């Protein structure tokens, strides 16, 4: 019995790989966004409220991009 797998024998959807790669962007974006906000709060504590509000708006947009990628994976199968 031959246990090697050829490319023709692989079943599944390529959208799974696409979504996996698509999550890298929002993940990196969230890391940068939150890190820079914390850095800004440490440098200027008096504007922490404004930075926090702006960060949460940014987080919402970044998460929206991740969810759009997830939905697109189901829509374009």
PDB file of N, CA and C in Angstrom:
ATOM      1  N   UNK A   1       0.837  -1.173   0.000  1.00  0.00           N
ATOM      2  CA  UNK A   1       0.000   0.000   0.000  1.00  0.00           C
ATOM      3  C   UNK A   1       0.888   1.244   0.000  1.00  0.00           C
ATOM      4  N   UNK A   2       0.631   2.119  -0.959  1.00  0.00           N
ATOM      5  CA  UNK A   2       1.427   3.334  -1.101  1.00  0.00           C
ATOM      6  C   UNK A   2       0.856   4.423  -0.203  1.00  0.00           C
ATOM      7  N   UNK A   3       1.669   4.958   0.691  1.00  0.00           N
ATOM      8  CA  UNK A   3       1.177   5.959   1.645  1.00  0.00           C
ATOM      9  C   UNK A   3       1.482   7.387   1.212  1.00  0.00           C
ATOM     10  N   UNK A   4       2.069   7.561   0.037  1.00  0.00           N
ATOM     11  CA  UNK A   4       2.346   8.925  -0.419  1.00  0.00           C
ATOM     12  C   UNK A   4       1.060   9.573  -0.889  1.00  0.00           C
ATOM     13  N   UNK A   5       0.942  10.852  -0.651  1.00  0.00           N
ATOM     14  CA  UNK A   5      -0.261  11.601  -1.018  1.00  0.00           C
ATOM     15  C   UNK A   5       0.092  12.550  -2.154  1.00  0.00           C
ATOM     16  N   UNK A   6      -0.666  12.452  -3.205  1.00  0.00           N
ATOM     17  CA  UNK A   6      -0.451  13.388  -4.305  1.00  0.00           C
ATOM     18  C   UNK A   6      -1.383  14.577  -4.136  1.00  0.00           C
ATOM     19  N   UNK A   7      -1.130  15.614  -4.886  1.00  0.00           N
ATOM     20  CA  UNK A   7      -1.931  16.821  -4.781  1.00  0.00           C
ATOM     21  C   UNK A   7      -3.373  16.572  -5.196  1.00  0.00           C
ATOM     22  N   UNK A   8      -3.608  15.641  -6.101  1.00  0.00           N
ATOM     23  CA  UNK A   8      -4.965  15.350  -6.555  1.00  0.00           C
ATOM     24  C   UNK A   8      -5.787  14.642  -5.485  1.00  0.00           C
ATOM     25  N   UNK A   9      -5.135  14.025  -4.503  1.00  0.00           N
ATOM     26  CA  UNK A   9      -5.856  13.282  -3.475  1.00  0.00           C
ATOM     27  C   UNK A   9      -6.263  14.148  -2.292  1.00  0.00           C
ATOM     28  N   UNK A  10      -5.785  15.372  -2.217  1.00  0.00           N
ATOM     29  CA  UNK A  10      -6.107  16.242  -1.092  1.00  0.00           C
ATOM     30  C   UNK A  10      -7.504  16.807  -1.293  1.00  0.00           C
ATOM     31  N   UNK A  11      -8.359  16.598  -0.308  1.00  0.00           N
ATOM     32  CA  UNK A  11      -9.727  17.110  -0.364  1.00  0.00           C
ATOM     33  C   UNK A  11      -9.838  18.329   0.527  1.00  0.00           C
ATOM     34  N   UNK A  12     -10.816  19.193   0.231  1.00  0.00           N
ATOM     35  CA  UNK A  12     -11.041  20.362   1.060  1.00  0.00           C
ATOM     36  C   UNK A  12     -11.092  21.616   0.215  1.00  0.00           C
ATOM     37  N   UNK A  13     -11.216  22.704   0.895  1.00  0.00           N
ATOM     38  CA  UNK A  13     -11.351  23.982   0.217  1.00  0.00           C
ATOM     39  C   UNK A  13     -10.110  24.831   0.439  1.00  0.00           C
ATOM     40  N   UNK A  14      -9.677  25.484  -0.598  1.00  0.00           N
ATOM     41  CA  UNK A  14      -8.514  26.363  -0.490  1.00  0.00           C
ATOM     42  C   UNK A  14      -8.838  27.609   0.325  1.00  0.00           C
ATOM     43  N   UNK A  15     -10.141  27.885   0.521  1.00  0.00           N
ATOM     44  CA  UNK A  15     -10.524  29.064   1.302  1.00  0.00           C
ATOM     45  C   UNK A  15     -10.070  28.933   2.753  1.00  0.00           C
ATOM     46  N   UNK A  16      -9.907  27.716   3.235  1.00  0.00           N
ATOM     47  CA  UNK A  16      -9.412  27.519   4.602  1.00  0.00           C
ATOM     48  C   UNK A  16      -7.992  28.063   4.717  1.00  0.00           C
ATOM     49  N   UNK A  17      -7.177  27.802   3.729  1.00  0.00           N
ATOM     50  CA  UNK A  17      -5.812  28.321   3.727  1.00  0.00           C
ATOM     51  C   UNK A  17      -5.836  29.836   3.569  1.00  0.00           C
ATOM     52  N   UNK A  18      -6.720  30.327   2.711  1.00  0.00           N
ATOM     53  CA  UNK A  18      -6.837  31.772   2.511  1.00  0.00           C
ATOM     54  C   UNK A  18      -7.258  32.482   3.773  1.00  0.00           C
ATOM     55  N   UNK A  19      -8.206  31.909   4.509  1.00  0.00           N
ATOM     56  CA  UNK A  19      -8.622  32.555   5.758  1.00  0.00           C
ATOM     57  C   UNK A  19      -7.509  32.488   6.792  1.00  0.00           C
ATOM     58  N   UNK A  20      -6.806  31.401   6.826  1.00  0.00           N
ATOM     59  CA  UNK A  20      -5.676  31.297   7.758  1.00  0.00           C
ATOM     60  C   UNK A  20      -4.634  32.373   7.487  1.00  0.00           C
ATOM     61  N   UNK A  21      -4.341  32.611   6.223  1.00  0.00           N
ATOM     62  CA  UNK A  21      -3.408  33.682   5.872  1.00  0.00           C
ATOM     63  C   UNK A  21      -4.036  35.051   6.110  1.00  0.00           C
ATOM     64  N   UNK A  22      -5.358  35.148   5.915  1.00  0.00           N
ATOM     65  CA  UNK A  22      -6.051  36.411   6.109  1.00  0.00           C
ATOM     66  C   UNK A  22      -6.107  36.843   7.557  1.00  0.00           C
ATOM     67  N   UNK A  23      -5.954  35.925   8.480  1.00  0.00           N
ATOM     68  CA  UNK A  23      -5.967  36.297   9.893  1.00  0.00           C
ATOM     69  C   UNK A  23      -4.635  36.873  10.349  1.00  0.00           C
ATOM     70  N   UNK A  24      -3.600  36.695   9.554  1.00  0.00           N
ATOM     71  CA  UNK A  24      -2.301  37.245   9.936  1.00  0.00           C
ATOM     72  C   UNK A  24      -2.316  38.777   9.940  1.00  0.00           C
ATOM     73  N   UNK A  25      -2.952  39.363   8.941  1.00  0.00           N
ATOM     74  CA  UNK A  25      -3.000  40.821   8.853  1.00  0.00           C
ATOM     75  C   UNK A  25      -3.680  41.468  10.046  1.00  0.00           C
ATOM     76  N   UNK A  26      -4.927  41.071  10.359  1.00  0.00           N
ATOM     77  CA  UNK A  26      -5.570  41.652  11.538  1.00  0.00           C
ATOM     78  C   UNK A  26      -4.841  41.344  12.841  1.00  0.00           C
ATOM     79  N   UNK A  27      -4.236  40.180  12.939  1.00  0.00           N
ATOM     80  CA  UNK A  27      -3.496  39.846  14.156  1.00  0.00           C
ATOM     81  C   UNK A  27      -2.298  40.752  14.358  1.00  0.00           C
ATOM     82  N   UNK A  28      -1.560  40.980  13.293  1.00  0.00           N
ATOM     83  CA  UNK A  28      -0.416  41.886  13.365  1.00  0.00           C
ATOM     84  C   UNK A  28      -0.902  43.311  13.604  1.00  0.00           C
ATOM     85  N   UNK A  29      -1.989  43.682  12.934  1.00  0.00           N
ATOM     86  CA  UNK A  29      -2.543  45.024  13.102  1.00  0.00           C
ATOM     87  C   UNK A  29      -2.982  45.297  14.523  1.00  0.00           C
ATOM     88  N   UNK A  30      -3.635  44.323  15.143  1.00  0.00           N
ATOM     89  CA  UNK A  30      -4.060  44.496  16.533  1.00  0.00           C
ATOM     90  C   UNK A  30      -2.864  44.635  17.468  1.00  0.00           C
ATOM     91  N   UNK A  31      -1.841  43.848  17.223  1.00  0.00           N
ATOM     92  CA  UNK A  31      -0.646  43.944  18.061  1.00  0.00           C
ATOM     93  C   UNK A  31       0.000  45.309  17.985  1.00  0.00           C
ATOM     94  N   UNK A  32       0.123  45.830  16.775  1.00  0.00           N
ATOM     95  CA  UNK A  32       0.719  47.156  16.610  1.00  0.00           C
ATOM     96  C   UNK A  32      -0.175  48.228  17.214  1.00  0.00           C
ATOM     97  N   UNK A  33      -1.482  48.145  16.944  1.00  0.00           N
ATOM     98  CA  UNK A  33      -2.428  49.150  17.423  1.00  0.00           C
ATOM     99  C   UNK A  33      -2.454  49.235  18.943  1.00  0.00           C
ATOM    100  N   UNK A  34      -2.575  48.111  19.595  1.00  0.00           N
ATOM    101  CA  UNK A  34      -2.649  48.094  21.056  1.00  0.00           C
ATOM    102  C   UNK A  34      -1.299  48.473  21.670  1.00  0.00           C
ATOM    103  N   UNK A  35      -0.215  47.981  21.076  1.00  0.00           N
ATOM    104  CA  UNK A  35       1.111  48.315  21.594  1.00  0.00           C
ATOM    105  C   UNK A  35       1.414  49.801  21.523  1.00  0.00           C
ATOM    106  N   UNK A  36       1.082  50.415  20.398  1.00  0.00           N
ATOM    107  CA  UNK A  36       1.338  51.853  20.258  1.00  0.00           C
ATOM    108  C   UNK A  36       0.431  52.678  21.168  1.00  0.00           C
ATOM    109  N   UNK A  37      -0.790  52.194  21.401  1.00  0.00           N
ATOM    110  CA  UNK A  37      -1.675  52.914  22.316  1.00  0.00           C
ATOM    111  C   UNK A  37      -1.137  52.870  23.736  1.00  0.00           C
ATOM    112  N   UNK A  38      -0.690  51.714  24.170  1.00  0.00           N
ATOM    113  CA  UNK A  38      -0.120  51.599  25.517  1.00  0.00           C
ATOM    114  C   UNK A  38       1.139  52.458  25.632  1.00  0.00           C
ATOM    115  N   UNK A  39       1.943  52.485  24.577  1.00  0.00           N
ATOM    116  CA  UNK A  39       3.145  53.324  24.578  1.00  0.00           C
ATOM    117  C   UNK A  39       2.769  54.802  24.678  1.00  0.00           C
ATOM    118  N   UNK A  40       1.741  55.207  23.949  1.00  0.00           N
ATOM    119  CA  UNK A  40       1.282  56.591  24.014  1.00  0.00           C
ATOM    120  C   UNK A  40       0.728  56.950  25.379  1.00  0.00           C
ATOM    121  N   UNK A  41       0.003  56.011  26.008  1.00  0.00           N
ATOM    122  CA  UNK A  41      -0.519  56.259  27.360  1.00  0.00           C
ATOM    123  C   UNK A  41       0.611  56.384  28.374  1.00  0.00           C
ATOM    124  N   UNK A  42       1.676  55.618  28.170  1.00  0.00           N
ATOM    125  CA  UNK A  42       2.809  55.694  29.092  1.00  0.00           C
ATOM    126  C   UNK A  42       3.553  57.017  28.937  1.00  0.00           C
ATOM    127  N   UNK A  43       3.617  57.517  27.725  1.00  0.00           N
ATOM    128  CA  UNK A  43       4.334  58.774  27.479  1.00  0.00           C
ATOM    129  C   UNK A  43       3.528  59.993  27.919  1.00  0.00           C
ATOM    130  N   UNK A  44       2.201  59.951  27.684  1.00  0.00           N
ATOM    131  CA  UNK A  44       1.349  61.086  28.039  1.00  0.00           C
ATOM    132  C   UNK A  44       0.079  60.572  28.719  1.00  0.00           C
ATOM    133  N   UNK A  45       0.134  60.355  30.015  1.00  0.00           N
ATOM    134  CA  UNK A  45      -1.029  59.813  30.731  1.00  0.00           C
ATOM    135  C   UNK A  45      -2.261  60.715  30.679  1.00  0.00           C
ATOM    136  N   UNK A  46      -2.090  61.996  30.445  1.00  0.00           N
ATOM    137  CA  UNK A  46      -3.241  62.903  30.439  1.00  0.00           C
ATOM    138  C   UNK A  46      -4.145  62.706  29.225  1.00  0.00           C
ATOM    139  N   UNK A  47      -3.669  62.057  28.169  1.00  0.00           N
ATOM    140  CA  UNK A  47      -4.514  61.819  26.988  1.00  0.00           C
ATOM    141  C   UNK A  47      -4.925  60.347  26.882  1.00  0.00           C
ATOM    142  N   UNK A  48      -4.842  59.629  27.987  1.00  0.00           N
ATOM    143  CA  UNK A  48      -5.143  58.199  27.972  1.00  0.00           C
ATOM    144  C   UNK A  48      -6.582  57.929  27.546  1.00  0.00           C
ATOM    145  N   UNK A  49      -7.528  58.768  27.969  1.00  0.00           N
ATOM    146  CA  UNK A  49      -8.925  58.562  27.601  1.00  0.00           C
ATOM    147  C   UNK A  49      -9.154  58.697  26.111  1.00  0.00           C
ATOM    148  N   UNK A  50      -8.543  59.717  25.506  1.00  0.00           N
ATOM    149  CA  UNK A  50      -8.685  59.909  24.063  1.00  0.00           C
ATOM    150  C   UNK A  50      -8.020  58.776  23.291  1.00  0.00           C
ATOM    151  N   UNK A  51      -6.851  58.357  23.747  1.00  0.00           N
ATOM    152  CA  UNK A  51      -6.160  57.260  23.069  1.00  0.00           C
ATOM    153  C   UNK A  51      -6.947  55.962  23.175  1.00  0.00           C
ATOM    154  N   UNK A  52      -7.525  55.710  24.332  1.00  0.00           N
ATOM    155  CA  UNK A  52      -8.292  54.486  24.541  1.00  0.00           C
ATOM    156  C   UNK A  52      -9.519  54.455  23.626  1.00  0.00           C
ATOM    157  N   UNK A  53     -10.216  55.579  23.520  1.00  0.00           N
ATOM    158  CA  UNK A  53     -11.393  55.649  22.653  1.00  0.00           C
ATOM    159  C   UNK A  53     -11.013  55.405  21.197  1.00  0.00           C
ATOM    160  N   UNK A  54      -9.965  56.061  20.756  1.00  0.00           N
ATOM    161  CA  UNK A  54      -9.497  55.885  19.381  1.00  0.00           C
ATOM    162  C   UNK A  54      -9.038  54.449  19.143  1.00  0.00           C
ATOM    163  N   UNK A  55      -8.400  53.846  20.137  1.00  0.00           N
ATOM    164  CA  UNK A  55      -7.951  52.462  19.994  1.00  0.00           C
ATOM    165  C   UNK A  55      -9.130  51.519  19.822  1.00  0.00           C
ATOM    166  N   UNK A  56     -10.198  51.713  20.613  1.00  0.00           N
ATOM    167  CA  UNK A  56     -11.341  50.812  20.505  1.00  0.00           C
ATOM    168  C   UNK A  56     -12.035  50.952  19.147  1.00  0.00           C
ATOM    169  N   UNK A  57     -12.071  52.150  18.590  1.00  0.00           N
ATOM    170  CA  UNK A  57     -12.626  52.326  17.253  1.00  0.00           C
ATOM    171  C   UNK A  57     -11.751  51.590  16.231  1.00  0.00           C
ATOM    172  N   UNK A  58     -10.446  51.721  16.373  1.00  0.00           N
ATOM    173  CA  UNK A  58      -9.522  51.018  15.478  1.00  0.00           C
ATOM    174  C   UNK A  58      -9.629  49.514  15.606  1.00  0.00           C
ATOM    175  N   UNK A  59      -9.768  49.022  16.830  1.00  0.00           N
ATOM    176  CA  UNK A  59      -9.918  47.580  17.049  1.00  0.00           C
ATOM    177  C   UNK A  59     -11.188  47.068  16.372  1.00  0.00           C
ATOM    178  N   UNK A  60     -12.260  47.855  16.444  1.00  0.00           N
ATOM    179  CA  UNK A  60     -13.515  47.450  15.805  1.00  0.00           C
ATOM    180  C   UNK A  60     -13.331  47.317  14.296  1.00  0.00           C
ATOM    181  N   UNK A  61     -12.630  48.258  13.678  1.00  0.00           N
ATOM    182  CA  UNK A  61     -12.409  48.177  12.228  1.00  0.00           C
ATOM    183  C   UNK A  61     -11.508  47.004  11.853  1.00  0.00           C
ATOM    184  N   UNK A  62     -10.482  46.747  12.633  1.00  0.00           N
ATOM    185  CA  UNK A  62      -9.582  45.629  12.342  1.00  0.00           C
ATOM    186  C   UNK A  62     -10.322  44.303  12.490  1.00  0.00           C
ATOM    187  N   UNK A  63     -11.141  44.176  13.527  1.00  0.00           N
ATOM    188  CA  UNK A  63     -11.910  42.948  13.711  1.00  0.00           C
ATOM    189  C   UNK A  63     -12.945  42.774  12.600  1.00  0.00           C
ATOM    190  N   UNK A  64     -13.493  43.884  12.108  1.00  0.00           N
ATOM    191  CA  UNK A  64     -14.422  43.814  10.986  1.00  0.00           C
ATOM    192  C   UNK A  64     -13.741  43.219   9.763  1.00  0.00           C
ATOM    193  N   UNK A  65     -12.501  43.598   9.518  1.00  0.00           N
ATOM    194  CA  UNK A  65     -11.768  43.033   8.387  1.00  0.00           C
ATOM    195  C   UNK A  65     -11.584  41.527   8.548  1.00  0.00           C
ATOM    196  N   UNK A  66     -11.295  41.081   9.760  1.00  0.00           N
ATOM    197  CA  UNK A  66     -11.131  39.647   9.999  1.00  0.00           C
ATOM    198  C   UNK A  66     -12.452  38.906   9.778  1.00  0.00           C
ATOM    199  N   UNK A  67     -13.547  39.481  10.239  1.00  0.00           N
ATOM    200  CA  UNK A  67     -14.852  38.841  10.045  1.00  0.00           C
ATOM    201  C   UNK A  67     -15.271  38.831   8.580  1.00  0.00           C
ATOM    202  N   UNK A  68     -14.942  39.889   7.846  1.00  0.00           N
ATOM    203  CA  UNK A  68     -15.234  39.898   6.407  1.00  0.00           C
ATOM    204  C   UNK A  68     -14.472  38.796   5.682  1.00  0.00           C
ATOM    205  N   UNK A  69     -13.235  38.579   6.077  1.00  0.00           N
ATOM    206  CA  UNK A  69     -12.472  37.483   5.496  1.00  0.00           C
ATOM    207  C   UNK A  69     -13.066  36.129   5.820  1.00  0.00           C
ATOM    208  N   UNK A  70     -13.577  35.986   7.015  1.00  0.00           N
ATOM    209  CA  UNK A  70     -14.213  34.729   7.425  1.00  0.00           C
ATOM    210  C   UNK A  70     -15.490  34.476   6.622  1.00  0.00           C
ATOM    211  N   UNK A  71     -16.310  35.497   6.461  1.00  0.00           N
ATOM    212  CA  UNK A  71     -17.560  35.368   5.713  1.00  0.00           C
ATOM    213  C   UNK A  71     -17.281  35.133   4.239  1.00  0.00           C
ATOM    214  N   UNK A  72     -16.283  35.812   3.702  1.00  0.00           N
ATOM    215  CA  UNK A  72     -15.931  35.630   2.290  1.00  0.00           C
ATOM    216  C   UNK A  72     -15.481  34.200   2.024  1.00  0.00           C
ATOM    217  N   UNK A  73     -14.856  33.569   3.008  1.00  0.00           N
ATOM    218  CA  UNK A  73     -14.475  32.175   2.850  1.00  0.00           C
ATOM    219  C   UNK A  73     -15.674  31.258   2.665  1.00  0.00           C
ATOM    220  N   UNK A  74     -16.781  31.587   3.303  1.00  0.00           N
ATOM    221  CA  UNK A  74     -18.001  30.788   3.139  1.00  0.00           C
ATOM    222  C   UNK A  74     -18.758  31.157   1.868  1.00  0.00           C
ATOM    223  N   UNK A  75     -18.741  32.420   1.508  1.00  0.00           N
ATOM    224  CA  UNK A  75     -19.518  32.857   0.350  1.00  0.00           C
ATOM    225  C   UNK A  75     -18.934  32.393  -0.967  1.00  0.00           C
ATOM    226  N   UNK A  76     -17.639  32.378  -1.078  1.00  0.00           N
ATOM    227  CA  UNK A  76     -16.983  32.065  -2.351  1.00  0.00           C
ATOM    228  C   UNK A  76     -16.374  30.671  -2.360  1.00  0.00           C
ATOM    229  N   UNK A  77     -17.144  29.697  -1.972  1.00  0.00           N
ATOM    230  CA  UNK A  77     -16.649  28.311  -1.994  1.00  0.00           C
ATOM    231  C   UNK A  77     -16.794  27.704  -3.353  1.00  0.00           C
TER     232      UNK A  77
END
